[in-house]
Amino acid sequence: MTKVIIGIAANQHYQKNQEFFDQQFTYSPQGFIDGIHQAGGVPILLPISDPELASSYIATIDKLLLAGGQDVSPILYGEEPDPKLGATSMERDAFEMALIKEAIKQNKPILAVCRGTQLLNVTLGGTLYQDLSYYENWTVKHDMFPTVPDFGLHSITVKGDSSLAAILGEKNQVNSYHHQALKDLAESLVPIAWSTDEVIEAVESRDRSHKILGVQWHPELTHKNDPKEQRLFDYFVQEF
């Protein structure tokens, strides 16, 4: 039986690291690898590259997974960088935006996680809160630091007729490790989950023929402790 190939958009380590002789290296959190393996898929890393290569990368995979990481550059949605903005990587933003556009063009399913969901929204025309302190209804802790985010921190409500409700149910606990959030949602996306302070926690494509699912939390950190989070990987690999 042919295995499903999952392309994980990889990050790049820029900071000094003596164990690697201060060389940059390409990586993905191990939880994505393990979750995909457990679901029966074959993960491969897509290193940050020239956006012109996106078409070739997408053509070699069955589905695309966008991981977490740096803040998305606000220049991409028409704003100047705020003093509370974290580290950004325009090189990564540009390449992953090209991957998203190509995945949609080639009709390849997309699962986006945390930063991946934020970049997905920006790529499709939406905007972000550069920091949650600018969200007027902010009442829930969305950054677990310094607690290790390997269990659920806050609750979410999931839209009953969404693909996510069939996986998690209409109420669930999720971990949380972000200081930015979706602001103006892209017209092609619909919200399908919210925290109690109404921060958007998950989105899917308005056009059901485009298989797109984005979550704001990190299932790769909880899938070993929470079977529901592993089911998210199972669904992506086996059914989506």
C-alpha atoms as a PDB file:
ATOM      1  CA  MET A   1       0.000   0.000   0.000  1.00  0.00           C
ATOM      2  CA  THR A   2       1.386   3.390  -1.018  1.00  0.00           C
ATOM      3  CA  LYS A   3       2.205   5.633   1.919  1.00  0.00           C
ATOM      4  CA  VAL A   4       0.996   9.234   2.064  1.00  0.00           C
ATOM      5  CA  ILE A   5       3.885  11.707   1.783  1.00  0.00           C
ATOM      6  CA  ILE A   6       3.575  14.653   4.157  1.00  0.00           C
ATOM      7  CA  GLY A   7       5.809  17.629   3.420  1.00  0.00           C
ATOM      8  CA  ILE A   8       6.671  19.562   6.570  1.00  0.00           C
ATOM      9  CA  ALA A   9       7.790  23.138   5.946  1.00  0.00           C
ATOM     10  CA  ALA A  10      10.989  23.188   7.985  1.00  0.00           C
ATOM     11  CA  ASN A  11      12.526  25.966  10.051  1.00  0.00           C
ATOM     12  CA  GLN A  12      16.158  27.033  10.120  1.00  0.00           C
ATOM     13  CA  HIS A  13      18.256  27.590  13.230  1.00  0.00           C
ATOM     14  CA  TYR A  14      20.078  30.902  12.901  1.00  0.00           C
ATOM     15  CA  GLN A  15      21.553  31.342  16.377  1.00  0.00           C
ATOM     16  CA  LYS A  16      25.020  30.249  17.369  1.00  0.00           C
ATOM     17  CA  ASN A  17      25.335  26.624  18.432  1.00  0.00           C
ATOM     18  CA  GLN A  18      28.767  25.270  19.290  1.00  0.00           C
ATOM     19  CA  GLU A  19      27.649  21.650  18.851  1.00  0.00           C
ATOM     20  CA  PHE A  20      27.049  22.450  15.172  1.00  0.00           C
ATOM     21  CA  PHE A  21      30.178  24.611  14.864  1.00  0.00           C
ATOM     22  CA  ASP A  22      27.926  27.697  14.625  1.00  0.00           C
ATOM     23  CA  GLN A  23      26.469  26.407  11.352  1.00  0.00           C
ATOM     24  CA  GLN A  24      22.806  26.957  10.464  1.00  0.00           C
ATOM     25  CA  PHE A  25      20.715  23.803  10.327  1.00  0.00           C
ATOM     26  CA  THR A  26      17.281  22.814   9.064  1.00  0.00           C
ATOM     27  CA  TYR A  27      14.865  21.181  11.518  1.00  0.00           C
ATOM     28  CA  SER A  28      11.332  20.264  12.492  1.00  0.00           C
ATOM     29  CA  PRO A  29       9.954  19.542  15.980  1.00  0.00           C
ATOM     30  CA  GLN A  30      10.070  15.789  16.564  1.00  0.00           C
ATOM     31  CA  GLY A  31       6.385  15.693  17.512  1.00  0.00           C
ATOM     32  CA  PHE A  32       5.363  16.292  13.903  1.00  0.00           C
ATOM     33  CA  ILE A  33       7.563  13.422  12.735  1.00  0.00           C
ATOM     34  CA  ASP A  34       6.221  11.075  15.404  1.00  0.00           C
ATOM     35  CA  GLY A  35       2.587  12.084  14.911  1.00  0.00           C
ATOM     36  CA  ILE A  36       2.760  11.516  11.162  1.00  0.00           C
ATOM     37  CA  HIS A  37       4.604   8.215  11.557  1.00  0.00           C
ATOM     38  CA  GLN A  38       2.008   7.008  14.062  1.00  0.00           C
ATOM     39  CA  ALA A  39      -0.742   7.974  11.615  1.00  0.00           C
ATOM     40  CA  GLY A  40       0.899   5.872   8.901  1.00  0.00           C
ATOM     41  CA  GLY A  41       2.338   8.696   6.825  1.00  0.00           C
ATOM     42  CA  VAL A  42       5.852   9.430   5.610  1.00  0.00           C
ATOM     43  CA  PRO A  43       7.154  12.861   6.691  1.00  0.00           C
ATOM     44  CA  ILE A  44       9.773  14.710   4.665  1.00  0.00           C
ATOM     45  CA  LEU A  45      11.224  18.138   5.414  1.00  0.00           C
ATOM     46  CA  LEU A  46      10.929  20.984   2.932  1.00  0.00           C
ATOM     47  CA  PRO A  47      13.908  23.289   3.648  1.00  0.00           C
ATOM     48  CA  ILE A  48      13.548  27.043   3.318  1.00  0.00           C
ATOM     49  CA  SER A  49      14.324  27.685  -0.345  1.00  0.00           C
ATOM     50  CA  ASP A  50      13.744  30.008  -3.260  1.00  0.00           C
ATOM     51  CA  PRO A  51       9.968  30.558  -3.620  1.00  0.00           C
ATOM     52  CA  GLU A  52      10.316  29.670  -7.290  1.00  0.00           C
ATOM     53  CA  LEU A  53      10.985  26.082  -6.197  1.00  0.00           C
ATOM     54  CA  ALA A  54       7.668  25.816  -4.346  1.00  0.00           C
ATOM     55  CA  SER A  55       5.891  24.269  -7.322  1.00  0.00           C
ATOM     56  CA  SER A  56       8.432  21.454  -7.521  1.00  0.00           C
ATOM     57  CA  TYR A  57       8.346  20.794  -3.781  1.00  0.00           C
ATOM     58  CA  ILE A  58       4.550  20.615  -3.684  1.00  0.00           C
ATOM     59  CA  ALA A  59       4.497  18.318  -6.711  1.00  0.00           C
ATOM     60  CA  THR A  60       6.606  15.761  -4.795  1.00  0.00           C
ATOM     61  CA  ILE A  61       4.259  15.497  -1.779  1.00  0.00           C
ATOM     62  CA  ASP A  62       0.654  14.491  -1.118  1.00  0.00           C
ATOM     63  CA  LYS A  63      -0.093  16.963   1.669  1.00  0.00           C
ATOM     64  CA  LEU A  64       1.508  20.036   3.270  1.00  0.00           C
ATOM     65  CA  LEU A  65       2.040  20.699   6.981  1.00  0.00           C
ATOM     66  CA  LEU A  66       2.948  24.200   8.185  1.00  0.00           C
ATOM     67  CA  ALA A  67       4.625  24.300  11.597  1.00  0.00           C
ATOM     68  CA  GLY A  68       5.112  26.945  14.282  1.00  0.00           C
ATOM     69  CA  GLY A  69       8.052  29.255  14.850  1.00  0.00           C
ATOM     70  CA  GLN A  70       8.853  32.912  14.302  1.00  0.00           C
ATOM     71  CA  ASP A  71       6.346  35.759  14.153  1.00  0.00           C
ATOM     72  CA  VAL A  72       4.964  36.558  10.710  1.00  0.00           C
ATOM     73  CA  SER A  73       6.367  39.810   9.351  1.00  0.00           C
ATOM     74  CA  PRO A  74       3.695  42.543   9.614  1.00  0.00           C
ATOM     75  CA  ILE A  75       5.022  44.085   6.405  1.00  0.00           C
ATOM     76  CA  LEU A  76       3.114  41.290   4.667  1.00  0.00           C
ATOM     77  CA  TYR A  77      -0.219  42.673   5.873  1.00  0.00           C
ATOM     78  CA  GLY A  78       0.579  46.352   5.564  1.00  0.00           C
ATOM     79  CA  GLU A  79       1.720  47.238   9.081  1.00  0.00           C
ATOM     80  CA  GLU A  80       4.952  48.536  10.571  1.00  0.00           C
ATOM     81  CA  PRO A  81       6.685  46.279  13.122  1.00  0.00           C
ATOM     82  CA  ASP A  82       5.430  46.906  16.653  1.00  0.00           C
ATOM     83  CA  PRO A  83       7.863  47.065  19.613  1.00  0.00           C
ATOM     84  CA  LYS A  84       6.307  43.824  20.923  1.00  0.00           C
ATOM     85  CA  LEU A  85       6.982  41.924  17.701  1.00  0.00           C
ATOM     86  CA  GLY A  86       9.201  38.875  18.134  1.00  0.00           C
ATOM     87  CA  ALA A  87      11.798  37.410  15.783  1.00  0.00           C
ATOM     88  CA  THR A  88      10.764  37.165  12.134  1.00  0.00           C
ATOM     89  CA  SER A  89      12.160  35.537   9.002  1.00  0.00           C
ATOM     90  CA  MET A  90      11.164  37.089   5.690  1.00  0.00           C
ATOM     91  CA  GLU A  91      12.980  34.270   3.907  1.00  0.00           C
ATOM     92  CA  ARG A  92      10.792  31.682   5.634  1.00  0.00           C
ATOM     93  CA  ASP A  93       7.634  33.757   5.184  1.00  0.00           C
ATOM     94  CA  ALA A  94       8.208  34.140   1.445  1.00  0.00           C
ATOM     95  CA  PHE A  95       8.931  30.456   0.862  1.00  0.00           C
ATOM     96  CA  GLU A  96       6.009  29.182   2.924  1.00  0.00           C
ATOM     97  CA  MET A  97       3.618  31.657   1.315  1.00  0.00           C
ATOM     98  CA  ALA A  98       4.678  30.229  -2.049  1.00  0.00           C
ATOM     99  CA  LEU A  99       4.118  26.688  -0.705  1.00  0.00           C
ATOM    100  CA  ILE A 100       0.589  27.624   0.419  1.00  0.00           C
ATOM    101  CA  LYS A 101      -0.305  29.125  -2.952  1.00  0.00           C
ATOM    102  CA  GLU A 102       1.077  26.119  -4.801  1.00  0.00           C
ATOM    103  CA  ALA A 103      -0.673  23.621  -2.511  1.00  0.00           C
ATOM    104  CA  ILE A 104      -3.987  25.336  -3.222  1.00  0.00           C
ATOM    105  CA  LYS A 105      -3.197  25.506  -6.954  1.00  0.00           C
ATOM    106  CA  GLN A 106      -2.256  21.814  -7.043  1.00  0.00           C
ATOM    107  CA  ASN A 107      -5.178  20.879  -4.769  1.00  0.00           C
ATOM    108  CA  LYS A 108      -2.987  19.421  -2.024  1.00  0.00           C
ATOM    109  CA  PRO A 109      -4.448  19.396   1.533  1.00  0.00           C
ATOM    110  CA  ILE A 110      -2.941  21.751   4.125  1.00  0.00           C
ATOM    111  CA  LEU A 111      -2.678  21.366   7.898  1.00  0.00           C
ATOM    112  CA  ALA A 112      -1.391  24.545   9.562  1.00  0.00           C
ATOM    113  CA  VAL A 113      -0.215  24.802  13.176  1.00  0.00           C
ATOM    114  CA  CYS A 114       0.153  28.019  15.219  1.00  0.00           C
ATOM    115  CA  ARG A 115       2.414  30.301  13.144  1.00  0.00           C
ATOM    116  CA  GLY A 116       1.397  28.211  10.146  1.00  0.00           C
ATOM    117  CA  THR A 117      -2.234  29.186  10.674  1.00  0.00           C
ATOM    118  CA  GLN A 118      -1.271  32.838  11.061  1.00  0.00           C
ATOM    119  CA  LEU A 119       0.795  32.792   7.859  1.00  0.00           C
ATOM    120  CA  LEU A 120      -2.019  30.980   6.053  1.00  0.00           C
ATOM    121  CA  ASN A 121      -4.407  33.786   7.020  1.00  0.00           C
ATOM    122  CA  VAL A 122      -1.969  36.482   5.894  1.00  0.00           C
ATOM    123  CA  THR A 123      -1.224  34.689   2.622  1.00  0.00           C
ATOM    124  CA  LEU A 124      -4.937  34.609   1.815  1.00  0.00           C
ATOM    125  CA  GLY A 125      -5.446  38.302   2.646  1.00  0.00           C
ATOM    126  CA  GLY A 126      -6.017  38.433   6.405  1.00  0.00           C
ATOM    127  CA  THR A 127      -4.229  40.276   9.213  1.00  0.00           C
ATOM    128  CA  LEU A 128      -2.860  39.525  12.681  1.00  0.00           C
ATOM    129  CA  TYR A 129      -2.662  41.055  16.111  1.00  0.00           C
ATOM    130  CA  GLN A 130       1.086  41.626  16.424  1.00  0.00           C
ATOM    131  CA  ASP A 131       0.618  41.023  20.152  1.00  0.00           C
ATOM    132  CA  LEU A 132      -2.424  39.865  22.124  1.00  0.00           C
ATOM    133  CA  SER A 133      -2.166  42.946  24.329  1.00  0.00           C
ATOM    134  CA  TYR A 134      -3.857  44.812  21.458  1.00  0.00           C
ATOM    135  CA  TYR A 135      -6.861  42.453  21.514  1.00  0.00           C
ATOM    136  CA  GLU A 136      -9.462  44.253  23.609  1.00  0.00           C
ATOM    137  CA  ASN A 137     -11.161  41.104  24.967  1.00  0.00           C
ATOM    138  CA  TRP A 138      -7.980  39.311  26.034  1.00  0.00           C
ATOM    139  CA  THR A 139      -8.733  37.457  29.300  1.00  0.00           C
ATOM    140  CA  VAL A 140      -7.201  33.985  28.751  1.00  0.00           C
ATOM    141  CA  LYS A 141      -3.528  33.018  29.116  1.00  0.00           C
ATOM    142  CA  HIS A 142      -2.467  32.006  25.612  1.00  0.00           C
ATOM    143  CA  ASP A 143       1.237  31.529  26.326  1.00  0.00           C
ATOM    144  CA  MET A 144       2.001  28.620  28.662  1.00  0.00           C
ATOM    145  CA  PHE A 145       5.620  29.696  29.197  1.00  0.00           C
ATOM    146  CA  PRO A 146       7.345  28.787  31.500  1.00  0.00           C
ATOM    147  CA  THR A 147       5.108  25.701  31.777  1.00  0.00           C
ATOM    148  CA  VAL A 148       5.949  22.938  29.300  1.00  0.00           C
ATOM    149  CA  PRO A 149       3.055  22.903  26.779  1.00  0.00           C
ATOM    150  CA  ASP A 150       2.523  19.130  26.658  1.00  0.00           C
ATOM    151  CA  PHE A 151      -1.035  19.209  28.028  1.00  0.00           C
ATOM    152  CA  GLY A 152      -4.179  21.311  27.600  1.00  0.00           C
ATOM    153  CA  LEU A 153      -4.120  24.764  29.165  1.00  0.00           C
ATOM    154  CA  HIS A 154      -7.406  26.417  28.178  1.00  0.00           C
ATOM    155  CA  SER A 155     -10.720  25.368  26.724  1.00  0.00           C
ATOM    156  CA  ILE A 156     -12.019  25.870  23.199  1.00  0.00           C
ATOM    157  CA  THR A 157     -15.468  25.668  21.674  1.00  0.00           C
ATOM    158  CA  VAL A 158     -15.591  23.964  18.278  1.00  0.00           C
ATOM    159  CA  LYS A 159     -18.234  24.619  15.625  1.00  0.00           C
ATOM    160  CA  GLY A 160     -20.474  21.582  15.534  1.00  0.00           C
ATOM    161  CA  ASP A 161     -20.627  21.049  11.764  1.00  0.00           C
ATOM    162  CA  SER A 162     -16.890  21.475  11.193  1.00  0.00           C
ATOM    163  CA  SER A 163     -14.376  18.772  10.368  1.00  0.00           C
ATOM    164  CA  LEU A 164     -12.616  19.529  13.660  1.00  0.00           C
ATOM    165  CA  ALA A 165     -15.695  18.761  15.788  1.00  0.00           C
ATOM    166  CA  ALA A 166     -15.697  15.194  14.501  1.00  0.00           C
ATOM    167  CA  ILE A 167     -12.124  14.838  15.781  1.00  0.00           C
ATOM    168  CA  LEU A 168     -12.128  16.765  19.069  1.00  0.00           C
ATOM    169  CA  GLY A 169     -15.786  17.194  19.923  1.00  0.00           C
ATOM    170  CA  GLU A 170     -17.422  20.579  20.516  1.00  0.00           C
ATOM    171  CA  LYS A 171     -15.494  21.206  23.757  1.00  0.00           C
ATOM    172  CA  ASN A 172     -11.828  20.489  24.314  1.00  0.00           C
ATOM    173  CA  GLN A 173      -8.708  21.556  26.201  1.00  0.00           C
ATOM    174  CA  VAL A 174      -5.689  22.655  24.164  1.00  0.00           C
ATOM    175  CA  ASN A 175      -2.187  23.829  24.929  1.00  0.00           C
ATOM    176  CA  SER A 176      -1.245  27.384  24.022  1.00  0.00           C
ATOM    177  CA  TYR A 177       2.076  28.913  23.056  1.00  0.00           C
ATOM    178  CA  HIS A 178       1.553  32.137  21.107  1.00  0.00           C
ATOM    179  CA  HIS A 179       1.480  35.902  21.618  1.00  0.00           C
ATOM    180  CA  GLN A 180       0.019  36.783  18.214  1.00  0.00           C
ATOM    181  CA  ALA A 181      -3.469  35.912  16.952  1.00  0.00           C
ATOM    182  CA  LEU A 182      -5.733  36.107  13.919  1.00  0.00           C
ATOM    183  CA  LYS A 183      -7.337  39.527  13.549  1.00  0.00           C
ATOM    184  CA  ASP A 184      -9.123  40.133  10.232  1.00  0.00           C
ATOM    185  CA  LEU A 185      -9.876  36.711   8.795  1.00  0.00           C
ATOM    186  CA  ALA A 186      -9.223  36.084   5.111  1.00  0.00           C
ATOM    187  CA  GLU A 187     -12.455  35.865   3.103  1.00  0.00           C
ATOM    188  CA  SER A 188     -11.636  32.337   1.949  1.00  0.00           C
ATOM    189  CA  LEU A 189     -11.381  31.053   5.536  1.00  0.00           C
ATOM    190  CA  VAL A 190     -14.055  30.495   8.186  1.00  0.00           C
ATOM    191  CA  PRO A 191     -13.498  30.282  11.963  1.00  0.00           C
ATOM    192  CA  ILE A 192     -14.411  26.940  13.505  1.00  0.00           C
ATOM    193  CA  ALA A 193     -13.053  27.158  17.081  1.00  0.00           C
ATOM    194  CA  TRP A 194     -12.655  29.874  19.719  1.00  0.00           C
ATOM    195  CA  SER A 195     -11.221  30.294  23.204  1.00  0.00           C
ATOM    196  CA  THR A 196     -13.526  31.711  25.880  1.00  0.00           C
ATOM    197  CA  ASP A 197     -12.185  35.223  25.188  1.00  0.00           C
ATOM    198  CA  GLU A 198     -13.149  34.659  21.521  1.00  0.00           C
ATOM    199  CA  VAL A 199      -9.658  34.436  20.054  1.00  0.00           C
ATOM    200  CA  ILE A 200      -9.952  32.340  16.885  1.00  0.00           C
ATOM    201  CA  GLU A 201      -8.382  28.947  17.616  1.00  0.00           C
ATOM    202  CA  ALA A 202      -9.034  27.099  14.341  1.00  0.00           C
ATOM    203  CA  VAL A 203     -10.041  27.792  10.744  1.00  0.00           C
ATOM    204  CA  GLU A 204     -10.957  25.860   7.621  1.00  0.00           C
ATOM    205  CA  SER A 205     -11.523  26.718   3.989  1.00  0.00           C
ATOM    206  CA  ARG A 206     -14.854  28.301   3.070  1.00  0.00           C
ATOM    207  CA  ASP A 207     -14.659  26.291  -0.135  1.00  0.00           C
ATOM    208  CA  ARG A 208     -14.866  22.667   0.997  1.00  0.00           C
ATOM    209  CA  SER A 209     -13.180  21.544  -2.223  1.00  0.00           C
ATOM    210  CA  HIS A 210      -9.988  23.088  -0.819  1.00  0.00           C
ATOM    211  CA  LYS A 211      -8.906  20.900   2.098  1.00  0.00           C
ATOM    212  CA  ILE A 212      -7.425  23.381   4.550  1.00  0.00           C
ATOM    213  CA  LEU A 213      -7.387  23.116   8.348  1.00  0.00           C
ATOM    214  CA  GLY A 214      -5.509  25.468  10.664  1.00  0.00           C
ATOM    215  CA  VAL A 215      -5.191  25.253  14.463  1.00  0.00           C
ATOM    216  CA  GLN A 216      -3.653  27.798  16.815  1.00  0.00           C
ATOM    217  CA  TRP A 217      -2.329  25.271  19.341  1.00  0.00           C
ATOM    218  CA  HIS A 218       0.447  22.650  19.125  1.00  0.00           C
ATOM    219  CA  PRO A 219      -0.813  19.057  18.705  1.00  0.00           C
ATOM    220  CA  GLU A 220       2.746  17.881  18.099  1.00  0.00           C
ATOM    221  CA  LEU A 221       3.461  18.579  21.778  1.00  0.00           C
ATOM    222  CA  THR A 222       0.390  16.828  23.196  1.00  0.00           C
ATOM    223  CA  HIS A 223      -0.347  13.917  20.845  1.00  0.00           C
ATOM    224  CA  LYS A 224       1.456  11.381  23.045  1.00  0.00           C
ATOM    225  CA  ASN A 225      -0.563  12.391  26.111  1.00  0.00           C
ATOM    226  CA  ASP A 226      -3.893  13.155  24.443  1.00  0.00           C
ATOM    227  CA  PRO A 227      -5.389  10.638  21.960  1.00  0.00           C
ATOM    228  CA  LYS A 228      -7.616  13.379  20.524  1.00  0.00           C
ATOM    229  CA  GLU A 229      -4.571  15.298  19.357  1.00  0.00           C
ATOM    230  CA  GLN A 230      -3.132  12.192  17.690  1.00  0.00           C
ATOM    231  CA  ARG A 231      -6.480  11.793  15.943  1.00  0.00           C
ATOM    232  CA  LEU A 232      -5.809  15.165  14.335  1.00  0.00           C
ATOM    233  CA  PHE A 233      -2.706  13.681  12.693  1.00  0.00           C
ATOM    234  CA  ASP A 234      -4.614  10.486  11.859  1.00  0.00           C
ATOM    235  CA  TYR A 235      -7.338  12.495  10.158  1.00  0.00           C
ATOM    236  CA  PHE A 236      -4.843  14.600   8.206  1.00  0.00           C
ATOM    237  CA  VAL A 237      -2.857  11.610   6.981  1.00  0.00           C
ATOM    238  CA  GLN A 238      -5.618   9.047   6.468  1.00  0.00           C
ATOM    239  CA  GLU A 239      -8.772  10.978   5.579  1.00  0.00           C
ATOM    240  CA  PHE A 240      -8.174  14.637   4.757  1.00  0.00           C
END
